[in-house]
Amino acid sequence: QVQLVESGGGLVQAGGSLRLSCAGSGRTFSLYAMGWFRQAPGKEREFVAAISGSAGRTAYADSVKGRFTVSRDGAKNTVYLQMNSLKPEDTAVYYCAVSRFLTSTPVIRPDDYVYWGQGTQVTVSS
């Protein structure tokens, strides 16, 4: 059974940092594109960052570019999201996901993801 478990969320002041982790089990994800999405109350789920299966190419939403960094450790079947210079508008539940594609290109459409974690809450106070 495939499982994705996020961790690392919490409460942080504006300007602070958090590092989210997403550990996968049940299959090897190292060749699949993976991504991070977030959903704030009353809003739709939105793309945050993605990393390709090979070559480690990345893509970011404009709102987080320059502040967030996505990375992965294939040996640990884990993907990370380093979040710096956090803003109150970054407050949301953050989800990691695995796409259906073995690709060297980042995948940014939620519909192209098949496995999702349960989410971890990130709250940024002003």
PDB file of N, CA and C in Angstrom:
ATOM      1  N   GLN A   1       0.848  -1.184   0.000  1.00  0.00           N
ATOM      2  CA  GLN A   1       0.000   0.000   0.000  1.00  0.00           C
ATOM      3  C   GLN A   1       0.887   1.238   0.000  1.00  0.00           C
ATOM      4  N   VAL A   2       0.619   2.136  -0.929  1.00  0.00           N
ATOM      5  CA  VAL A   2       1.413   3.352  -1.042  1.00  0.00           C
ATOM      6  C   VAL A   2       0.987   4.354   0.027  1.00  0.00           C
ATOM      7  N   GLN A   3       1.986   4.920   0.681  1.00  0.00           N
ATOM      8  CA  GLN A   3       1.714   5.941   1.691  1.00  0.00           C
ATOM      9  C   GLN A   3       2.705   7.081   1.551  1.00  0.00           C
ATOM     10  N   LEU A   4       2.218   8.293   1.735  1.00  0.00           N
ATOM     11  CA  LEU A   4       3.062   9.483   1.811  1.00  0.00           C
ATOM     12  C   LEU A   4       2.748  10.155   3.139  1.00  0.00           C
ATOM     13  N   VAL A   5       3.782  10.423   3.907  1.00  0.00           N
ATOM     14  CA  VAL A   5       3.587  11.024   5.223  1.00  0.00           C
ATOM     15  C   VAL A   5       4.405  12.304   5.303  1.00  0.00           C
ATOM     16  N   GLU A   6       3.694  13.430   5.449  1.00  0.00           N
ATOM     17  CA  GLU A   6       4.374  14.720   5.587  1.00  0.00           C
ATOM     18  C   GLU A   6       4.672  15.003   7.056  1.00  0.00           C
ATOM     19  N   SER A   7       5.725  15.762   7.273  1.00  0.00           N
ATOM     20  CA  SER A   7       6.056  16.207   8.619  1.00  0.00           C
ATOM     21  C   SER A   7       6.805  17.535   8.507  1.00  0.00           C
ATOM     22  N   GLY A   8       6.945  18.214   9.649  1.00  0.00           N
ATOM     23  CA  GLY A   8       7.732  19.440   9.678  1.00  0.00           C
ATOM     24  C   GLY A   8       6.923  20.717   9.736  1.00  0.00           C
ATOM     25  N   GLY A   9       5.606  20.590   9.636  1.00  0.00           N
ATOM     26  CA  GLY A   9       4.788  21.784   9.717  1.00  0.00           C
ATOM     27  C   GLY A   9       4.747  22.338  11.141  1.00  0.00           C
ATOM     28  N   GLY A  10       4.143  23.505  11.283  1.00  0.00           N
ATOM     29  CA  GLY A  10       4.040  24.106  12.609  1.00  0.00           C
ATOM     30  C   GLY A  10       3.730  25.584  12.533  1.00  0.00           C
ATOM     31  N   LEU A  11       3.926  26.240  13.661  1.00  0.00           N
ATOM     32  CA  LEU A  11       3.677  27.679  13.778  1.00  0.00           C
ATOM     33  C   LEU A  11       5.016  28.410  13.777  1.00  0.00           C
ATOM     34  N   VAL A  12       5.125  29.423  12.941  1.00  0.00           N
ATOM     35  CA  VAL A  12       6.369  30.178  12.837  1.00  0.00           C
ATOM     36  C   VAL A  12       6.025  31.646  12.613  1.00  0.00           C
ATOM     37  N   GLN A  13       6.901  32.529  13.066  1.00  0.00           N
ATOM     38  CA  GLN A  13       6.694  33.955  12.835  1.00  0.00           C
ATOM     39  C   GLN A  13       7.094  34.325  11.411  1.00  0.00           C
ATOM     40  N   ALA A  14       6.505  35.389  10.929  1.00  0.00           N
ATOM     41  CA  ALA A  14       6.858  35.888   9.603  1.00  0.00           C
ATOM     42  C   ALA A  14       8.370  36.123   9.531  1.00  0.00           C
ATOM     43  N   GLY A  15       8.947  35.723   8.411  1.00  0.00           N
ATOM     44  CA  GLY A  15      10.390  35.825   8.233  1.00  0.00           C
ATOM     45  C   GLY A  15      11.137  34.577   8.630  1.00  0.00           C
ATOM     46  N   GLY A  16      10.454  33.660   9.294  1.00  0.00           N
ATOM     47  CA  GLY A  16      11.089  32.429   9.745  1.00  0.00           C
ATOM     48  C   GLY A  16      11.142  31.362   8.670  1.00  0.00           C
ATOM     49  N   SER A  17      11.616  30.184   9.070  1.00  0.00           N
ATOM     50  CA  SER A  17      11.803  29.072   8.142  1.00  0.00           C
ATOM     51  C   SER A  17      11.224  27.783   8.699  1.00  0.00           C
ATOM     52  N   LEU A  18      10.839  26.930   7.795  1.00  0.00           N
ATOM     53  CA  LEU A  18      10.425  25.568   8.121  1.00  0.00           C
ATOM     54  C   LEU A  18      10.912  24.649   7.016  1.00  0.00           C
ATOM     55  N   ARG A  19      11.124  23.393   7.375  1.00  0.00           N
ATOM     56  CA  ARG A  19      11.483  22.387   6.374  1.00  0.00           C
ATOM     57  C   ARG A  19      10.479  21.250   6.468  1.00  0.00           C
ATOM     58  N   LEU A  20       9.744  21.068   5.402  1.00  0.00           N
ATOM     59  CA  LEU A  20       8.791  19.972   5.333  1.00  0.00           C
ATOM     60  C   LEU A  20       9.459  18.749   4.720  1.00  0.00           C
ATOM     61  N   SER A  21       9.073  17.586   5.220  1.00  0.00           N
ATOM     62  CA  SER A  21       9.536  16.318   4.673  1.00  0.00           C
ATOM     63  C   SER A  21       8.333  15.485   4.265  1.00  0.00           C
ATOM     64  N   CYS A  22       8.525  14.661   3.276  1.00  0.00           N
ATOM     65  CA  CYS A  22       7.471  13.760   2.818  1.00  0.00           C
ATOM     66  C   CYS A  22       8.116  12.416   2.542  1.00  0.00           C
ATOM     67  N   ALA A  23       7.829  11.455   3.391  1.00  0.00           N
ATOM     68  CA  ALA A  23       8.416  10.133   3.270  1.00  0.00           C
ATOM     69  C   ALA A  23       7.431   9.180   2.606  1.00  0.00           C
ATOM     70  N   GLY A  24       7.900   8.515   1.571  1.00  0.00           N
ATOM     71  CA  GLY A  24       7.048   7.585   0.852  1.00  0.00           C
ATOM     72  C   GLY A  24       7.336   6.152   1.223  1.00  0.00           C
ATOM     73  N   SER A  25       6.326   5.306   1.155  1.00  0.00           N
ATOM     74  CA  SER A  25       6.495   3.882   1.396  1.00  0.00           C
ATOM     75  C   SER A  25       5.534   3.115   0.489  1.00  0.00           C
ATOM     76  N   GLY A  26       5.816   1.859   0.312  1.00  0.00           N
ATOM     77  CA  GLY A  26       4.948   1.028  -0.505  1.00  0.00           C
ATOM     78  C   GLY A  26       5.427   0.833  -1.925  1.00  0.00           C
ATOM     79  N   ARG A  27       6.245   1.765  -2.407  1.00  0.00           N
ATOM     80  CA  ARG A  27       6.888   1.630  -3.700  1.00  0.00           C
ATOM     81  C   ARG A  27       8.005   2.649  -3.765  1.00  0.00           C
ATOM     82  N   THR A  28       8.851   2.525  -4.777  1.00  0.00           N
ATOM     83  CA  THR A  28       9.951   3.459  -4.954  1.00  0.00           C
ATOM     84  C   THR A  28       9.513   4.598  -5.866  1.00  0.00           C
ATOM     85  N   PHE A  29       9.738   5.832  -5.396  1.00  0.00           N
ATOM     86  CA  PHE A  29       9.288   7.000  -6.148  1.00  0.00           C
ATOM     87  C   PHE A  29      10.428   7.753  -6.822  1.00  0.00           C
ATOM     88  N   SER A  30      11.634   7.243  -6.719  1.00  0.00           N
ATOM     89  CA  SER A  30      12.785   8.039  -7.120  1.00  0.00           C
ATOM     90  C   SER A  30      12.751   8.481  -8.579  1.00  0.00           C
ATOM     91  N   LEU A  31      12.057   7.754  -9.436  1.00  0.00           N
ATOM     92  CA  LEU A  31      12.017   8.119 -10.853  1.00  0.00           C
ATOM     93  C   LEU A  31      10.754   8.886 -11.238  1.00  0.00           C
ATOM     94  N   TYR A  32       9.880   9.089 -10.284  1.00  0.00           N
ATOM     95  CA  TYR A  32       8.619   9.779 -10.556  1.00  0.00           C
ATOM     96  C   TYR A  32       8.719  11.249 -10.143  1.00  0.00           C
ATOM     97  N   ALA A  33       8.066  12.100 -10.914  1.00  0.00           N
ATOM     98  CA  ALA A  33       7.985  13.494 -10.512  1.00  0.00           C
ATOM     99  C   ALA A  33       7.157  13.597  -9.234  1.00  0.00           C
ATOM    100  N   MET A  34       7.600  14.477  -8.356  1.00  0.00           N
ATOM    101  CA  MET A  34       6.895  14.700  -7.100  1.00  0.00           C
ATOM    102  C   MET A  34       6.664  16.189  -6.921  1.00  0.00           C
ATOM    103  N   GLY A  35       5.695  16.516  -6.085  1.00  0.00           N
ATOM    104  CA  GLY A  35       5.378  17.925  -5.937  1.00  0.00           C
ATOM    105  C   GLY A  35       4.803  18.254  -4.578  1.00  0.00           C
ATOM    106  N   TRP A  36       4.738  19.552  -4.334  1.00  0.00           N
ATOM    107  CA  TRP A  36       4.107  20.097  -3.136  1.00  0.00           C
ATOM    108  C   TRP A  36       2.978  21.035  -3.565  1.00  0.00           C
ATOM    109  N   PHE A  37       1.867  20.906  -2.869  1.00  0.00           N
ATOM    110  CA  PHE A  37       0.713  21.773  -3.084  1.00  0.00           C
ATOM    111  C   PHE A  37       0.267  22.300  -1.729  1.00  0.00           C
ATOM    112  N   ARG A  38      -0.562  23.319  -1.734  1.00  0.00           N
ATOM    113  CA  ARG A  38      -1.078  23.837  -0.469  1.00  0.00           C
ATOM    114  C   ARG A  38      -2.522  24.295  -0.651  1.00  0.00           C
ATOM    115  N   GLN A  39      -3.235  24.291   0.459  1.00  0.00           N
ATOM    116  CA  GLN A  39      -4.621  24.734   0.433  1.00  0.00           C
ATOM    117  C   GLN A  39      -4.903  25.551   1.685  1.00  0.00           C
ATOM    118  N   ALA A  40      -5.252  26.795   1.466  1.00  0.00           N
ATOM    119  CA  ALA A  40      -5.634  27.687   2.556  1.00  0.00           C
ATOM    120  C   ALA A  40      -7.144  27.628   2.744  1.00  0.00           C
ATOM    121  N   PRO A  41      -7.638  27.988   3.919  1.00  0.00           N
ATOM    122  CA  PRO A  41      -9.085  27.939   4.174  1.00  0.00           C
ATOM    123  C   PRO A  41      -9.855  28.771   3.155  1.00  0.00           C
ATOM    124  N   GLY A  42     -10.882  28.148   2.577  1.00  0.00           N
ATOM    125  CA  GLY A  42     -11.725  28.847   1.629  1.00  0.00           C
ATOM    126  C   GLY A  42     -11.132  28.998   0.245  1.00  0.00           C
ATOM    127  N   LYS A  43      -9.948  28.408   0.024  1.00  0.00           N
ATOM    128  CA  LYS A  43      -9.306  28.526  -1.283  1.00  0.00           C
ATOM    129  C   LYS A  43      -9.089  27.151  -1.893  1.00  0.00           C
ATOM    130  N   GLU A  44      -8.851  27.146  -3.194  1.00  0.00           N
ATOM    131  CA  GLU A  44      -8.565  25.884  -3.869  1.00  0.00           C
ATOM    132  C   GLU A  44      -7.112  25.471  -3.630  1.00  0.00           C
ATOM    133  N   ARG A  45      -6.878  24.184  -3.804  1.00  0.00           N
ATOM    134  CA  ARG A  45      -5.511  23.686  -3.692  1.00  0.00           C
ATOM    135  C   ARG A  45      -4.665  24.280  -4.821  1.00  0.00           C
ATOM    136  N   GLU A  46      -3.472  24.739  -4.483  1.00  0.00           N
ATOM    137  CA  GLU A  46      -2.622  25.359  -5.483  1.00  0.00           C
ATOM    138  C   GLU A  46      -1.231  24.742  -5.496  1.00  0.00           C
ATOM    139  N   PHE A  47      -0.641  24.799  -6.664  1.00  0.00           N
ATOM    140  CA  PHE A  47       0.713  24.289  -6.861  1.00  0.00           C
ATOM    141  C   PHE A  47       1.709  25.164  -6.121  1.00  0.00           C
ATOM    142  N   VAL A  48       2.708  24.521  -5.505  1.00  0.00           N
ATOM    143  CA  VAL A  48       3.776  25.242  -4.823  1.00  0.00           C
ATOM    144  C   VAL A  48       5.119  24.982  -5.493  1.00  0.00           C
ATOM    145  N   ALA A  49       5.495  23.701  -5.586  1.00  0.00           N
ATOM    146  CA  ALA A  49       6.801  23.355  -6.138  1.00  0.00           C
ATOM    147  C   ALA A  49       6.767  21.921  -6.627  1.00  0.00           C
ATOM    148  N   ALA A  50       7.641  21.620  -7.585  1.00  0.00           N
ATOM    149  CA  ALA A  50       7.721  20.264  -8.111  1.00  0.00           C
ATOM    150  C   ALA A  50       9.151  19.952  -8.495  1.00  0.00           C
ATOM    151  N   ILE A  51       9.460  18.656  -8.485  1.00  0.00           N
ATOM    152  CA  ILE A  51      10.792  18.200  -8.871  1.00  0.00           C
ATOM    153  C   ILE A  51      10.626  16.993  -9.769  1.00  0.00           C
ATOM    154  N   SER A  52      11.424  16.944 -10.816  1.00  0.00           N
ATOM    155  CA  SER A  52      11.284  15.861 -11.778  1.00  0.00           C
ATOM    156  C   SER A  52      11.835  14.557 -11.210  1.00  0.00           C
ATOM    157  N   GLY A  53      11.524  13.459 -11.932  1.00  0.00           N
ATOM    158  CA  GLY A  53      11.985  12.167 -11.483  1.00  0.00           C
ATOM    159  C   GLY A  53      13.473  11.966 -11.685  1.00  0.00           C
ATOM    160  N   SER A  54      13.965  12.438 -12.793  1.00  0.00           N
ATOM    161  CA  SER A  54      15.396  12.344 -13.045  1.00  0.00           C
ATOM    162  C   SER A  54      15.911  13.740 -13.349  1.00  0.00           C
ATOM    163  N   ALA A  55      17.166  13.935 -13.253  1.00  0.00           N
ATOM    164  CA  ALA A  55      17.808  15.229 -13.523  1.00  0.00           C
ATOM    165  C   ALA A  55      17.521  16.255 -12.437  1.00  0.00           C
ATOM    166  N   GLY A  56      16.511  16.006 -11.605  1.00  0.00           N
ATOM    167  CA  GLY A  56      16.242  16.915 -10.506  1.00  0.00           C
ATOM    168  C   GLY A  56      15.817  18.312 -10.905  1.00  0.00           C
ATOM    169  N   ARG A  57      15.178  18.427 -12.055  1.00  0.00           N
ATOM    170  CA  ARG A  57      14.686  19.748 -12.477  1.00  0.00           C
ATOM    171  C   ARG A  57      13.546  20.177 -11.576  1.00  0.00           C
ATOM    172  N   THR A  58      13.464  21.471 -11.300  1.00  0.00           N
ATOM    173  CA  THR A  58      12.467  21.987 -10.377  1.00  0.00           C
ATOM    174  C   THR A  58      11.617  23.074 -11.018  1.00  0.00           C
ATOM    175  N   ALA A  59      10.464  23.280 -10.432  1.00  0.00           N
ATOM    176  CA  ALA A  59       9.568  24.357 -10.847  1.00  0.00           C
ATOM    177  C   ALA A  59       8.881  24.901  -9.605  1.00  0.00           C
ATOM    178  N   TYR A  60       8.582  26.198  -9.619  1.00  0.00           N
ATOM    179  CA  TYR A  60       7.990  26.851  -8.465  1.00  0.00           C
ATOM    180  C   TYR A  60       6.865  27.789  -8.886  1.00  0.00           C
ATOM    181  N   ALA A  61       5.903  27.928  -7.986  1.00  0.00           N
ATOM    182  CA  ALA A  61       4.904  28.972  -8.176  1.00  0.00           C
ATOM    183  C   ALA A  61       5.591  30.324  -8.018  1.00  0.00           C
ATOM    184  N   ASP A  62       5.103  31.313  -8.719  1.00  0.00           N
ATOM    185  CA  ASP A  62       5.711  32.645  -8.643  1.00  0.00           C
ATOM    186  C   ASP A  62       5.708  33.180  -7.211  1.00  0.00           C
ATOM    187  N   SER A  63       4.685  32.820  -6.463  1.00  0.00           N
ATOM    188  CA  SER A  63       4.543  33.359  -5.112  1.00  0.00           C
ATOM    189  C   SER A  63       5.612  32.857  -4.144  1.00  0.00           C
ATOM    190  N   VAL A  64       6.293  31.757  -4.496  1.00  0.00           N
ATOM    191  CA  VAL A  64       7.293  31.193  -3.575  1.00  0.00           C
ATOM    192  C   VAL A  64       8.689  31.187  -4.169  1.00  0.00           C
ATOM    193  N   LYS A  65       8.799  31.574  -5.431  1.00  0.00           N
ATOM    194  CA  LYS A  65      10.089  31.526  -6.107  1.00  0.00           C
ATOM    195  C   LYS A  65      11.101  32.398  -5.368  1.00  0.00           C
ATOM    196  N   GLY A  66      12.284  31.841  -5.136  1.00  0.00           N
ATOM    197  CA  GLY A  66      13.323  32.564  -4.423  1.00  0.00           C
ATOM    198  C   GLY A  66      13.277  32.385  -2.923  1.00  0.00           C
ATOM    199  N   ARG A  67      12.174  31.833  -2.409  1.00  0.00           N
ATOM    200  CA  ARG A  67      12.046  31.616  -0.963  1.00  0.00           C
ATOM    201  C   ARG A  67      11.977  30.136  -0.613  1.00  0.00           C
ATOM    202  N   PHE A  68      11.380  29.333  -1.474  1.00  0.00           N
ATOM    203  CA  PHE A  68      11.207  27.898  -1.225  1.00  0.00           C
ATOM    204  C   PHE A  68      12.154  27.105  -2.119  1.00  0.00           C
ATOM    205  N   THR A  69      12.592  25.957  -1.607  1.00  0.00           N
ATOM    206  CA  THR A  69      13.436  25.058  -2.382  1.00  0.00           C
ATOM    207  C   THR A  69      12.955  23.628  -2.206  1.00  0.00           C
ATOM    208  N   VAL A  70      12.691  22.962  -3.319  1.00  0.00           N
ATOM    209  CA  VAL A  70      12.281  21.554  -3.280  1.00  0.00           C
ATOM    210  C   VAL A  70      13.490  20.686  -3.614  1.00  0.00           C
ATOM    211  N   SER A  71      13.603  19.575  -2.915  1.00  0.00           N
ATOM    212  CA  SER A  71      14.698  18.637  -3.167  1.00  0.00           C
ATOM    213  C   SER A  71      14.207  17.229  -2.837  1.00  0.00           C
ATOM    214  N   ARG A  72      15.028  16.259  -3.203  1.00  0.00           N
ATOM    215  CA  ARG A  72      14.615  14.881  -2.922  1.00  0.00           C
ATOM    216  C   ARG A  72      15.834  14.032  -2.622  1.00  0.00           C
ATOM    217  N   ASP A  73      15.581  12.963  -1.869  1.00  0.00           N
ATOM    218  CA  ASP A  73      16.601  11.970  -1.558  1.00  0.00           C
ATOM    219  C   ASP A  73      16.032  10.636  -2.024  1.00  0.00           C
ATOM    220  N   GLY A  74      16.503  10.165  -3.183  1.00  0.00           N
ATOM    221  CA  GLY A  74      15.955   8.950  -3.746  1.00  0.00           C
ATOM    222  C   GLY A  74      16.184   7.739  -2.867  1.00  0.00           C
ATOM    223  N   ALA A  75      17.323   7.703  -2.212  1.00  0.00           N
ATOM    224  CA  ALA A  75      17.643   6.558  -1.353  1.00  0.00           C
ATOM    225  C   ALA A  75      16.679   6.456  -0.177  1.00  0.00           C
ATOM    226  N   LYS A  76      16.180   7.609   0.272  1.00  0.00           N
ATOM    227  CA  LYS A  76      15.250   7.624   1.404  1.00  0.00           C
ATOM    228  C   LYS A  76      13.798   7.705   0.957  1.00  0.00           C
ATOM    229  N   ASN A  77      13.585   7.768  -0.372  1.00  0.00           N
ATOM    230  CA  ASN A  77      12.219   7.874  -0.896  1.00  0.00           C
ATOM    231  C   ASN A  77      11.504   9.075  -0.289  1.00  0.00           C
ATOM    232  N   THR A  78      12.226  10.172  -0.180  1.00  0.00           N
ATOM    233  CA  THR A  78      11.726  11.344   0.532  1.00  0.00           C
ATOM    234  C   THR A  78      11.921  12.595  -0.300  1.00  0.00           C
ATOM    235  N   VAL A  79      10.954  13.494  -0.221  1.00  0.00           N
ATOM    236  CA  VAL A  79      11.054  14.797  -0.870  1.00  0.00           C
ATOM    237  C   VAL A  79      10.924  15.861   0.224  1.00  0.00           C
ATOM    238  N   TYR A  80      11.621  16.974   0.030  1.00  0.00           N
ATOM    239  CA  TYR A  80      11.665  18.025   1.033  1.00  0.00           C
ATOM    240  C   TYR A  80      11.184  19.352   0.434  1.00  0.00           C
ATOM    241  N   LEU A  81      10.736  20.220   1.315  1.00  0.00           N
ATOM    242  CA  LEU A  81      10.416  21.589   0.917  1.00  0.00           C
ATOM    243  C   LEU A  81      10.990  22.517   1.984  1.00  0.00           C
ATOM    244  N   GLN A  82      12.074  23.189   1.629  1.00  0.00           N
ATOM    245  CA  GLN A  82      12.675  24.179   2.524  1.00  0.00           C
ATOM    246  C   GLN A  82      11.984  25.506   2.272  1.00  0.00           C
ATOM    247  N   MET A  83      11.411  26.066   3.315  1.00  0.00           N
ATOM    248  CA  MET A  83      10.650  27.307   3.190  1.00  0.00           C
ATOM    249  C   MET A  83      11.313  28.395   4.031  1.00  0.00           C
ATOM    250  N   ASN A  84      11.796  29.410   3.375  1.00  0.00           N
ATOM    251  CA  ASN A  84      12.446  30.532   4.046  1.00  0.00           C
ATOM    252  C   ASN A  84      11.638  31.809   3.835  1.00  0.00           C
ATOM    253  N   SER A  85      11.938  32.808   4.654  1.00  0.00           N
ATOM    254  CA  SER A  85      11.267  34.110   4.546  1.00  0.00           C
ATOM    255  C   SER A  85       9.754  33.947   4.477  1.00  0.00           C
ATOM    256  N   LEU A  86       9.233  33.159   5.381  1.00  0.00           N
ATOM    257  CA  LEU A  86       7.802  32.851   5.341  1.00  0.00           C
ATOM    258  C   LEU A  86       6.956  34.088   5.596  1.00  0.00           C
ATOM    259  N   LYS A  87       5.813  34.106   4.946  1.00  0.00           N
ATOM    260  CA  LYS A  87       4.862  35.203   5.042  1.00  0.00           C
ATOM    261  C   LYS A  87       3.524  34.684   5.564  1.00  0.00           C
ATOM    262  N   PRO A  88       2.713  35.533   6.168  1.00  0.00           N
ATOM    263  CA  PRO A  88       1.400  35.081   6.633  1.00  0.00           C
ATOM    264  C   PRO A  88       0.571  34.445   5.517  1.00  0.00           C
ATOM    265  N   GLU A  89       0.733  34.917   4.301  1.00  0.00           N
ATOM    266  CA  GLU A  89      -0.035  34.341   3.181  1.00  0.00           C
ATOM    267  C   GLU A  89       0.425  32.947   2.777  1.00  0.00           C
ATOM    268  N   ASP A  90       1.514  32.464   3.392  1.00  0.00           N
ATOM    269  CA  ASP A  90       1.938  31.079   3.164  1.00  0.00           C
ATOM    270  C   ASP A  90       1.185  30.105   4.062  1.00  0.00           C
ATOM    271  N   THR A  91       0.383  30.625   4.973  1.00  0.00           N
ATOM    272  CA  THR A  91      -0.389  29.775   5.873  1.00  0.00           C
ATOM    273  C   THR A  91      -1.348  28.892   5.082  1.00  0.00           C
ATOM    274  N   ALA A  92      -1.242  27.583   5.305  1.00  0.00           N
ATOM    275  CA  ALA A  92      -2.058  26.621   4.561  1.00  0.00           C
ATOM    276  C   ALA A  92      -1.733  25.219   5.062  1.00  0.00           C
ATOM    277  N   VAL A  93      -2.517  24.259   4.596  1.00  0.00           N
ATOM    278  CA  VAL A  93      -2.145  22.858   4.738  1.00  0.00           C
ATOM    279  C   VAL A  93      -1.322  22.492   3.506  1.00  0.00           C
ATOM    280  N   TYR A  94      -0.162  21.925   3.734  1.00  0.00           N
ATOM    281  CA  TYR A  94       0.754  21.568   2.653  1.00  0.00           C
ATOM    282  C   TYR A  94       0.698  20.064   2.412  1.00  0.00           C
ATOM    283  N   TYR A  95       0.574  19.713   1.141  1.00  0.00           N
ATOM    284  CA  TYR A  95       0.472  18.318   0.726  1.00  0.00           C
ATOM    285  C   TYR A  95       1.610  17.959  -0.216  1.00  0.00           C
ATOM    286  N   CYS A  96       2.163  16.771  -0.033  1.00  0.00           N
ATOM    287  CA  CYS A  96       3.078  16.268  -1.046  1.00  0.00           C
ATOM    288  C   CYS A  96       2.337  15.244  -1.892  1.00  0.00           C
ATOM    289  N   ALA A  97       2.850  15.030  -3.084  1.00  0.00           N
ATOM    290  CA  ALA A  97       2.171  14.126  -4.003  1.00  0.00           C
ATOM    291  C   ALA A  97       3.175  13.518  -4.979  1.00  0.00           C
ATOM    292  N   VAL A  98       2.796  12.370  -5.519  1.00  0.00           N
ATOM    293  CA  VAL A  98       3.600  11.668  -6.524  1.00  0.00           C
ATOM    294  C   VAL A  98       2.804  11.648  -7.826  1.00  0.00           C
ATOM    295  N   SER A  99       3.480  12.017  -8.919  1.00  0.00           N
ATOM    296  CA  SER A  99       2.770  12.067 -10.195  1.00  0.00           C
ATOM    297  C   SER A  99       2.723  10.692 -10.845  1.00  0.00           C
ATOM    298  N   ARG A 100       1.953  10.602 -11.897  1.00  0.00           N
ATOM    299  CA  ARG A 100       1.844   9.354 -12.650  1.00  0.00           C
ATOM    300  C   ARG A 100       2.978   9.212 -13.665  1.00  0.00           C
ATOM    301  N   PHE A 101       3.831  10.228 -13.770  1.00  0.00           N
ATOM    302  CA  PHE A 101       4.818  10.272 -14.836  1.00  0.00           C
ATOM    303  C   PHE A 101       6.239   9.995 -14.371  1.00  0.00           C
ATOM    304  N   LEU A 102       6.911   9.129 -15.133  1.00  0.00           N
ATOM    305  CA  LEU A 102       8.363   8.977 -15.030  1.00  0.00           C
ATOM    306  C   LEU A 102       8.926  10.001 -16.008  1.00  0.00           C
ATOM    307  N   THR A 103       9.392  11.123 -15.487  1.00  0.00           N
ATOM    308  CA  THR A 103       9.712  12.218 -16.379  1.00  0.00           C
ATOM    309  C   THR A 103      10.878  13.032 -15.850  1.00  0.00           C
ATOM    310  N   SER A 104      11.589  13.656 -16.778  1.00  0.00           N
ATOM    311  CA  SER A 104      12.681  14.553 -16.401  1.00  0.00           C
ATOM    312  C   SER A 104      12.189  16.001 -16.338  1.00  0.00           C
ATOM    313  N   THR A 105      10.884  16.176 -16.458  1.00  0.00           N
ATOM    314  CA  THR A 105      10.286  17.509 -16.408  1.00  0.00           C
ATOM    315  C   THR A 105       9.398  17.623 -15.179  1.00  0.00           C
ATOM    316  N   PRO A 106       9.449  18.735 -14.448  1.00  0.00           N
ATOM    317  CA  PRO A 106       8.548  18.891 -13.302  1.00  0.00           C
ATOM    318  C   PRO A 106       7.083  18.884 -13.744  1.00  0.00           C
ATOM    319  N   VAL A 107       6.240  18.356 -12.904  1.00  0.00           N
ATOM    320  CA  VAL A 107       4.812  18.250 -13.184  1.00  0.00           C
ATOM    321  C   VAL A 107       4.075  19.204 -12.255  1.00  0.00           C
ATOM    322  N   ILE A 108       3.263  20.092 -12.816  1.00  0.00           N
ATOM    323  CA  ILE A 108       2.652  21.124 -11.977  1.00  0.00           C
ATOM    324  C   ILE A 108       1.135  21.036 -11.882  1.00  0.00           C
ATOM    325  N   ARG A 109       0.506  20.170 -12.679  1.00  0.00           N
ATOM    326  CA  ARG A 109      -0.958  20.061 -12.636  1.00  0.00           C
ATOM    327  C   ARG A 109      -1.385  19.069 -11.581  1.00  0.00           C
ATOM    328  N   PRO A 110      -2.260  19.450 -10.668  1.00  0.00           N
ATOM    329  CA  PRO A 110      -2.716  18.504  -9.638  1.00  0.00           C
ATOM    330  C   PRO A 110      -3.328  17.238 -10.234  1.00  0.00           C
ATOM    331  N   ASP A 111      -3.990  17.357 -11.373  1.00  0.00           N
ATOM    332  CA  ASP A 111      -4.652  16.191 -11.979  1.00  0.00           C
ATOM    333  C   ASP A 111      -3.658  15.135 -12.442  1.00  0.00           C
ATOM    334  N   ASP A 112      -2.386  15.509 -12.557  1.00  0.00           N
ATOM    335  CA  ASP A 112      -1.366  14.560 -12.983  1.00  0.00           C
ATOM    336  C   ASP A 112      -0.712  13.841 -11.806  1.00  0.00           C
ATOM    337  N   TYR A 113      -1.259  14.048 -10.618  1.00  0.00           N
ATOM    338  CA  TYR A 113      -0.725  13.379  -9.434  1.00  0.00           C
ATOM    339  C   TYR A 113      -1.703  12.309  -8.967  1.00  0.00           C
ATOM    340  N   VAL A 114      -1.148  11.177  -8.559  1.00  0.00           N
ATOM    341  CA  VAL A 114      -2.014  10.042  -8.212  1.00  0.00           C
ATOM    342  C   VAL A 114      -1.969   9.672  -6.735  1.00  0.00           C
ATOM    343  N   TYR A 115      -0.883   9.975  -6.069  1.00  0.00           N
ATOM    344  CA  TYR A 115      -0.781   9.661  -4.648  1.00  0.00           C
ATOM    345  C   TYR A 115      -0.577  10.962  -3.873  1.00  0.00           C
ATOM    346  N   TRP A 116      -1.307  11.087  -2.760  1.00  0.00           N
ATOM    347  CA  TRP A 116      -1.258  12.304  -1.959  1.00  0.00           C
ATOM    348  C   TRP A 116      -1.054  11.955  -0.494  1.00  0.00           C
ATOM    349  N   GLY A 117      -0.320  12.818   0.199  1.00  0.00           N
ATOM    350  CA  GLY A 117      -0.190  12.675   1.637  1.00  0.00           C
ATOM    351  C   GLY A 117      -1.410  13.270   2.338  1.00  0.00           C
ATOM    352  N   GLN A 118      -1.393  13.182   3.663  1.00  0.00           N
ATOM    353  CA  GLN A 118      -2.535  13.650   4.449  1.00  0.00           C
ATOM    354  C   GLN A 118      -2.454  15.149   4.740  1.00  0.00           C
ATOM    355  N   GLY A 119      -1.310  15.734   4.506  1.00  0.00           N
ATOM    356  CA  GLY A 119      -1.135  17.167   4.706  1.00  0.00           C
ATOM    357  C   GLY A 119      -0.539  17.515   6.057  1.00  0.00           C
ATOM    358  N   THR A 120       0.159  18.641   6.095  1.00  0.00           N
ATOM    359  CA  THR A 120       0.713  19.149   7.339  1.00  0.00           C
ATOM    360  C   THR A 120       0.433  20.652   7.397  1.00  0.00           C
ATOM    361  N   GLN A 121       0.013  21.124   8.557  1.00  0.00           N
ATOM    362  CA  GLN A 121      -0.392  22.524   8.708  1.00  0.00           C
ATOM    363  C   GLN A 121       0.826  23.417   8.892  1.00  0.00           C
ATOM    364  N   VAL A 122       0.864  24.488   8.130  1.00  0.00           N
ATOM    365  CA  VAL A 122       1.871  25.531   8.295  1.00  0.00           C
ATOM    366  C   VAL A 122       1.125  26.822   8.606  1.00  0.00           C
ATOM    367  N   THR A 123       1.471  27.428   9.732  1.00  0.00           N
ATOM    368  CA  THR A 123       0.842  28.687  10.133  1.00  0.00           C
ATOM    369  C   THR A 123       1.930  29.728  10.357  1.00  0.00           C
ATOM    370  N   VAL A 124       1.808  30.844   9.659  1.00  0.00           N
ATOM    371  CA  VAL A 124       2.796  31.918   9.769  1.00  0.00           C
ATOM    372  C   VAL A 124       2.109  33.121  10.403  1.00  0.00           C
ATOM    373  N   SER A 125       2.606  33.522  11.556  1.00  0.00           N
ATOM    374  CA  SER A 125       2.008  34.654  12.263  1.00  0.00           C
ATOM    375  C   SER A 125       2.714  35.953  11.877  1.00  0.00           C
ATOM    376  N   SER A 126       1.948  37.026  11.891  1.00  0.00           N
ATOM    377  CA  SER A 126       2.518  38.324  11.495  1.00  0.00           C
ATOM    378  C   SER A 126       3.115  39.050  12.683  1.00  0.00           C
TER     379      SER A 126
END
